[in-house]
C-alpha cells in the first residue's frame, strides 16, 4: 500500500483472504505506544487486555493508555526505577513516606 503495489485496504484483504476489518485491526497494531508493545511482549499487560482490545485503540499514545486504564510511564524513566517509585501497600494505607505534591 505504501510502496504503490497495493492501492487499498480492500486489495490487501482480498489478497490475504480476510476481512477489511481484520486488515484494519492488524495495521492499527503498528501504531501502538512502544511501552504497550514492550508490555505485551513481556506478558505484563493487565488481565483482559488482549490482541483484539489492543487493535481497537486510537493512534494517540496517551489515549491508548487512557482507554486501557493504564498509567503511562514517565519518559526517560526505566521500568525498574518506575517500579521503585510506586508506593507499597503499607505506604498507601498510612501515607507514611509518600512525598507531598
N, C-alpha and C. Protein backbone atom coordinates (compact mmCIF):
# COMPACT_ATOMS: atom_id res chain seq x y z
N UNK A 1 0.82 -1.17 0.00
CA UNK A 1 0.00 0.00 0.00
C UNK A 1 0.88 1.26 0.00
N UNK A 2 1.95 1.24 0.78
CA UNK A 2 2.79 2.42 0.86
C UNK A 2 3.78 2.52 -0.29
N UNK A 3 4.14 1.41 -0.89
CA UNK A 3 5.10 1.48 -2.00
C UNK A 3 4.41 1.43 -3.36
N UNK A 4 3.09 1.44 -3.37
CA UNK A 4 2.36 1.54 -4.63
C UNK A 4 1.90 0.23 -5.23
N UNK A 5 2.27 -0.91 -4.65
CA UNK A 5 1.85 -2.18 -5.24
C UNK A 5 0.41 -2.54 -4.87
N UNK A 6 -0.07 -2.04 -3.76
CA UNK A 6 -1.45 -2.26 -3.35
C UNK A 6 -2.09 -0.89 -3.17
N UNK A 7 -3.26 -0.73 -3.74
CA UNK A 7 -3.89 0.59 -3.75
C UNK A 7 -4.88 0.83 -2.62
N UNK A 8 -5.32 -0.24 -1.94
CA UNK A 8 -6.33 -0.05 -0.91
C UNK A 8 -6.30 -1.18 0.11
N UNK A 9 -6.97 -0.93 1.21
CA UNK A 9 -7.14 -1.94 2.25
C UNK A 9 -7.93 -3.12 1.69
N UNK A 10 -8.89 -2.81 0.85
CA UNK A 10 -9.72 -3.87 0.26
C UNK A 10 -8.86 -4.84 -0.56
N UNK A 11 -7.88 -4.32 -1.28
CA UNK A 11 -6.98 -5.18 -2.07
C UNK A 11 -6.16 -6.08 -1.16
N UNK A 12 -5.69 -5.53 -0.05
CA UNK A 12 -4.93 -6.35 0.91
C UNK A 12 -5.82 -7.46 1.45
N UNK A 13 -7.04 -7.11 1.85
CA UNK A 13 -7.96 -8.11 2.39
C UNK A 13 -8.24 -9.21 1.37
N UNK A 14 -8.44 -8.83 0.13
CA UNK A 14 -8.70 -9.82 -0.92
C UNK A 14 -7.48 -10.71 -1.13
N UNK A 15 -6.29 -10.10 -1.18
CA UNK A 15 -5.06 -10.86 -1.38
C UNK A 15 -4.79 -11.83 -0.23
N UNK A 16 -5.09 -11.38 1.00
CA UNK A 16 -4.82 -12.20 2.19
C UNK A 16 -6.00 -13.09 2.60
N UNK A 17 -7.09 -13.02 1.83
CA UNK A 17 -8.29 -13.82 2.11
C UNK A 17 -8.83 -13.59 3.52
N UNK A 18 -8.99 -12.32 3.85
CA UNK A 18 -9.54 -11.96 5.16
C UNK A 18 -10.43 -10.73 4.99
N UNK A 19 -11.02 -10.30 6.10
CA UNK A 19 -11.93 -9.15 6.04
C UNK A 19 -11.15 -7.84 6.09
N UNK A 20 -11.81 -6.79 5.63
CA UNK A 20 -11.23 -5.45 5.70
C UNK A 20 -11.01 -5.07 7.16
N UNK A 21 -11.95 -5.46 8.03
CA UNK A 21 -11.80 -5.17 9.47
C UNK A 21 -10.53 -5.81 10.02
N UNK A 22 -10.24 -7.03 9.66
CA UNK A 22 -9.03 -7.70 10.15
C UNK A 22 -7.77 -6.96 9.67
N UNK A 23 -7.77 -6.51 8.45
CA UNK A 23 -6.62 -5.75 7.93
C UNK A 23 -6.47 -4.45 8.72
N UNK A 24 -7.57 -3.75 8.93
CA UNK A 24 -7.51 -2.50 9.69
C UNK A 24 -7.02 -2.73 11.12
N UNK A 25 -7.49 -3.79 11.75
CA UNK A 25 -7.07 -4.10 13.12
C UNK A 25 -5.58 -4.43 13.16
N UNK A 26 -5.12 -5.16 12.18
CA UNK A 26 -3.70 -5.52 12.13
C UNK A 26 -2.83 -4.30 11.90
N UNK A 27 -3.25 -3.45 10.98
CA UNK A 27 -2.49 -2.23 10.72
C UNK A 27 -2.44 -1.32 11.94
N UNK A 28 -3.51 -1.29 12.71
CA UNK A 28 -3.54 -0.40 13.88
C UNK A 28 -2.52 -0.83 14.92
N UNK A 29 -2.13 -2.10 14.94
CA UNK A 29 -1.12 -2.57 15.90
C UNK A 29 0.23 -1.91 15.65
N UNK A 30 0.47 -1.45 14.42
CA UNK A 30 1.73 -0.79 14.10
C UNK A 30 1.85 0.56 14.78
N UNK A 31 0.74 1.08 15.30
CA UNK A 31 0.73 2.41 15.91
C UNK A 31 0.60 2.36 17.44
N UNK A 32 0.82 1.19 18.01
CA UNK A 32 0.77 1.08 19.47
C UNK A 32 1.94 1.81 20.10
N UNK A 33 1.71 2.35 21.27
CA UNK A 33 2.78 3.01 22.04
C UNK A 33 3.88 1.98 22.31
N UNK A 34 5.13 2.36 22.18
CA UNK A 34 6.24 1.42 22.40
C UNK A 34 6.18 0.72 23.75
N UNK A 35 5.78 1.42 24.81
CA UNK A 35 5.69 0.78 26.12
C UNK A 35 4.60 -0.29 26.16
N UNK A 36 3.53 -0.10 25.39
CA UNK A 36 2.48 -1.13 25.32
C UNK A 36 2.99 -2.36 24.57
N UNK A 37 3.78 -2.13 23.52
CA UNK A 37 4.36 -3.25 22.78
C UNK A 37 5.30 -4.04 23.69
N UNK A 38 6.15 -3.33 24.43
CA UNK A 38 7.08 -4.00 25.36
C UNK A 38 6.33 -4.78 26.42
N UNK A 39 5.27 -4.19 26.96
CA UNK A 39 4.48 -4.87 27.99
C UNK A 39 3.80 -6.11 27.42
N UNK A 40 3.31 -6.02 26.19
CA UNK A 40 2.66 -7.18 25.55
C UNK A 40 3.66 -8.30 25.34
N UNK A 41 4.85 -7.96 24.87
CA UNK A 41 5.89 -8.97 24.64
C UNK A 41 6.31 -9.62 25.95
N UNK A 42 6.40 -8.82 27.00
CA UNK A 42 6.82 -9.32 28.31
C UNK A 42 5.69 -10.03 29.06
N UNK A 43 4.48 -9.95 28.51
CA UNK A 43 3.34 -10.57 29.17
C UNK A 43 2.88 -9.81 30.41
N UNK A 44 3.08 -8.50 30.41
CA UNK A 44 2.78 -7.66 31.58
C UNK A 44 1.54 -6.80 31.42
N UNK A 45 0.74 -7.02 30.42
CA UNK A 45 -0.48 -6.23 30.27
C UNK A 45 -1.52 -6.71 31.28
N UNK A 46 -2.40 -5.84 31.70
CA UNK A 46 -3.44 -6.25 32.66
C UNK A 46 -4.31 -7.37 32.11
N UNK A 47 -4.86 -8.13 33.02
CA UNK A 47 -5.77 -9.23 32.64
C UNK A 47 -6.90 -8.67 31.79
N UNK A 48 -7.22 -9.34 30.73
CA UNK A 48 -8.31 -8.92 29.85
C UNK A 48 -7.87 -8.04 28.69
N UNK A 49 -6.61 -7.63 28.68
CA UNK A 49 -6.11 -6.82 27.56
C UNK A 49 -5.40 -7.76 26.60
N UNK A 50 -6.10 -8.07 25.52
CA UNK A 50 -5.55 -8.96 24.52
C UNK A 50 -5.42 -8.27 23.18
N UNK A 51 -5.13 -9.07 22.18
CA UNK A 51 -4.86 -8.54 20.84
C UNK A 51 -6.07 -7.79 20.28
N UNK A 52 -7.28 -8.28 20.52
CA UNK A 52 -8.44 -7.60 19.96
C UNK A 52 -8.65 -6.24 20.62
N UNK A 53 -8.37 -6.14 21.89
CA UNK A 53 -8.50 -4.84 22.57
C UNK A 53 -7.40 -3.88 22.14
N UNK A 54 -6.20 -4.39 21.95
CA UNK A 54 -5.09 -3.54 21.51
C UNK A 54 -5.29 -3.04 20.09
N UNK A 55 -5.92 -3.83 19.27
CA UNK A 55 -6.07 -3.44 17.87
C UNK A 55 -7.20 -2.45 17.63
N UNK A 56 -8.00 -2.18 18.64
CA UNK A 56 -9.09 -1.21 18.50
C UNK A 56 -8.79 0.12 19.19
N UNK A 57 -7.52 0.39 19.46
CA UNK A 57 -7.14 1.62 20.15
C UNK A 57 -6.91 2.77 19.18
N UNK A 58 -7.05 4.01 19.66
CA UNK A 58 -6.75 5.17 18.81
C UNK A 58 -5.26 5.28 18.54
N UNK A 59 -4.87 6.10 17.60
CA UNK A 59 -3.45 6.26 17.26
C UNK A 59 -2.68 7.03 18.32
N UNK A 60 -3.35 7.90 19.06
CA UNK A 60 -2.69 8.70 20.10
C UNK A 60 -2.22 7.81 21.24
N UNK A 61 -0.92 7.86 21.54
CA UNK A 61 -0.37 7.02 22.60
C UNK A 61 -0.98 7.32 23.95
N UNK A 62 -1.19 8.59 24.27
CA UNK A 62 -1.77 8.92 25.58
C UNK A 62 -3.21 8.40 25.68
N UNK A 63 -3.95 8.47 24.58
CA UNK A 63 -5.32 7.94 24.58
C UNK A 63 -5.33 6.42 24.70
N UNK A 64 -4.32 5.76 24.15
CA UNK A 64 -4.24 4.30 24.28
C UNK A 64 -4.16 3.92 25.76
N UNK A 65 -3.26 4.56 26.50
CA UNK A 65 -3.12 4.27 27.92
C UNK A 65 -4.40 4.61 28.67
N UNK A 66 -5.01 5.72 28.31
CA UNK A 66 -6.24 6.15 28.97
C UNK A 66 -7.35 5.13 28.76
N UNK A 67 -7.53 4.69 27.53
CA UNK A 67 -8.60 3.71 27.23
C UNK A 67 -8.38 2.39 27.95
N UNK A 68 -7.11 2.01 28.13
CA UNK A 68 -6.80 0.75 28.81
C UNK A 68 -6.79 0.90 30.32
N UNK A 69 -6.85 2.15 30.80
CA UNK A 69 -6.81 2.37 32.23
C UNK A 69 -5.44 2.12 32.83
N UNK A 70 -4.40 2.36 32.04
CA UNK A 70 -3.02 2.15 32.47
C UNK A 70 -2.33 3.50 32.53
N UNK A 71 -1.59 3.73 33.58
CA UNK A 71 -0.83 4.98 33.67
C UNK A 71 0.44 4.84 32.86
N UNK A 72 0.69 5.73 31.91
CA UNK A 72 1.93 5.65 31.14
C UNK A 72 3.12 5.95 32.02
N UNK A 73 4.24 5.29 31.73
CA UNK A 73 5.47 5.53 32.47
C UNK A 73 6.05 6.86 32.03
N UNK A 74 6.50 7.69 32.96
CA UNK A 74 7.12 8.96 32.57
C UNK A 74 8.31 8.70 31.64
N UNK A 75 8.44 9.51 30.60
CA UNK A 75 9.51 9.29 29.63
C UNK A 75 10.86 9.46 30.30
N UNK A 76 11.80 8.66 29.87
CA UNK A 76 13.16 8.74 30.39
C UNK A 76 13.36 7.96 31.68
N UNK A 77 12.33 7.31 32.19
CA UNK A 77 12.46 6.53 33.42
C UNK A 77 12.36 5.06 33.06
N UNK A 78 13.33 4.29 33.48
CA UNK A 78 13.33 2.85 33.18
C UNK A 78 12.23 2.16 33.99
N UNK A 79 11.89 0.95 33.58
CA UNK A 79 10.85 0.17 34.27
C UNK A 79 11.25 -0.09 35.72
N UNK A 80 12.53 -0.35 35.96
CA UNK A 80 13.00 -0.63 37.31
C UNK A 80 12.81 0.59 38.22
N UNK A 81 13.16 1.76 37.72
CA UNK A 81 13.01 2.98 38.51
C UNK A 81 11.53 3.28 38.72
N UNK A 82 10.73 3.15 37.68
CA UNK A 82 9.29 3.41 37.80
C UNK A 82 8.68 2.49 38.84
N UNK A 83 9.07 1.23 38.84
CA UNK A 83 8.53 0.27 39.82
C UNK A 83 8.94 0.67 41.24
N UNK A 84 10.17 1.14 41.41
CA UNK A 84 10.63 1.52 42.75
C UNK A 84 9.94 2.78 43.25
N UNK A 85 9.39 3.58 42.35
CA UNK A 85 8.70 4.80 42.76
C UNK A 85 7.26 4.55 43.19
N UNK A 86 6.73 3.37 42.88
CA UNK A 86 5.35 3.08 43.26
C UNK A 86 5.29 2.88 44.77
N UNK A 87 4.26 3.45 45.41
CA UNK A 87 4.13 3.25 46.86
C UNK A 87 3.77 1.81 47.18
N UNK A 88 4.29 1.30 48.27
CA UNK A 88 3.94 -0.05 48.71
C UNK A 88 2.55 -0.01 49.32
N UNK A 89 1.98 -1.17 49.57
CA UNK A 89 0.66 -1.24 50.18
C UNK A 89 0.65 -0.57 51.55
N UNK A 90 1.72 -0.74 52.32
CA UNK A 90 1.80 -0.11 53.62
C UNK A 90 1.84 1.41 53.49
N UNK A 91 2.62 1.92 52.56
CA UNK A 91 2.70 3.36 52.36
C UNK A 91 1.36 3.91 51.91
N UNK A 92 0.66 3.19 51.03
CA UNK A 92 -0.64 3.67 50.54
C UNK A 92 -1.65 3.74 51.68
N UNK A 93 -1.59 2.76 52.58
CA UNK A 93 -2.59 2.72 53.64
C UNK A 93 -2.32 3.76 54.72
N UNK A 94 -1.07 4.11 54.92
CA UNK A 94 -0.76 5.04 56.01
C UNK A 94 -0.27 6.39 55.53
N UNK A 95 0.03 6.51 54.23
CA UNK A 95 0.59 7.71 53.66
C UNK A 95 1.95 8.06 54.25
N UNK A 96 2.57 7.13 54.95
CA UNK A 96 3.90 7.34 55.51
C UNK A 96 4.92 7.19 54.40
N UNK A 97 5.82 8.13 54.31
CA UNK A 97 6.89 8.02 53.34
C UNK A 97 6.54 8.52 51.96
N UNK A 98 5.32 8.97 51.76
CA UNK A 98 4.94 9.47 50.45
C UNK A 98 5.25 10.96 50.36
N UNK A 99 5.86 11.40 49.29
CA UNK A 99 6.14 12.83 49.15
C UNK A 99 4.86 13.60 48.91
N UNK A 100 4.82 14.81 49.41
CA UNK A 100 3.66 15.67 49.18
C UNK A 100 3.83 16.33 47.83
N UNK A 101 2.74 16.39 47.07
CA UNK A 101 2.77 17.02 45.75
C UNK A 101 2.22 18.40 45.80
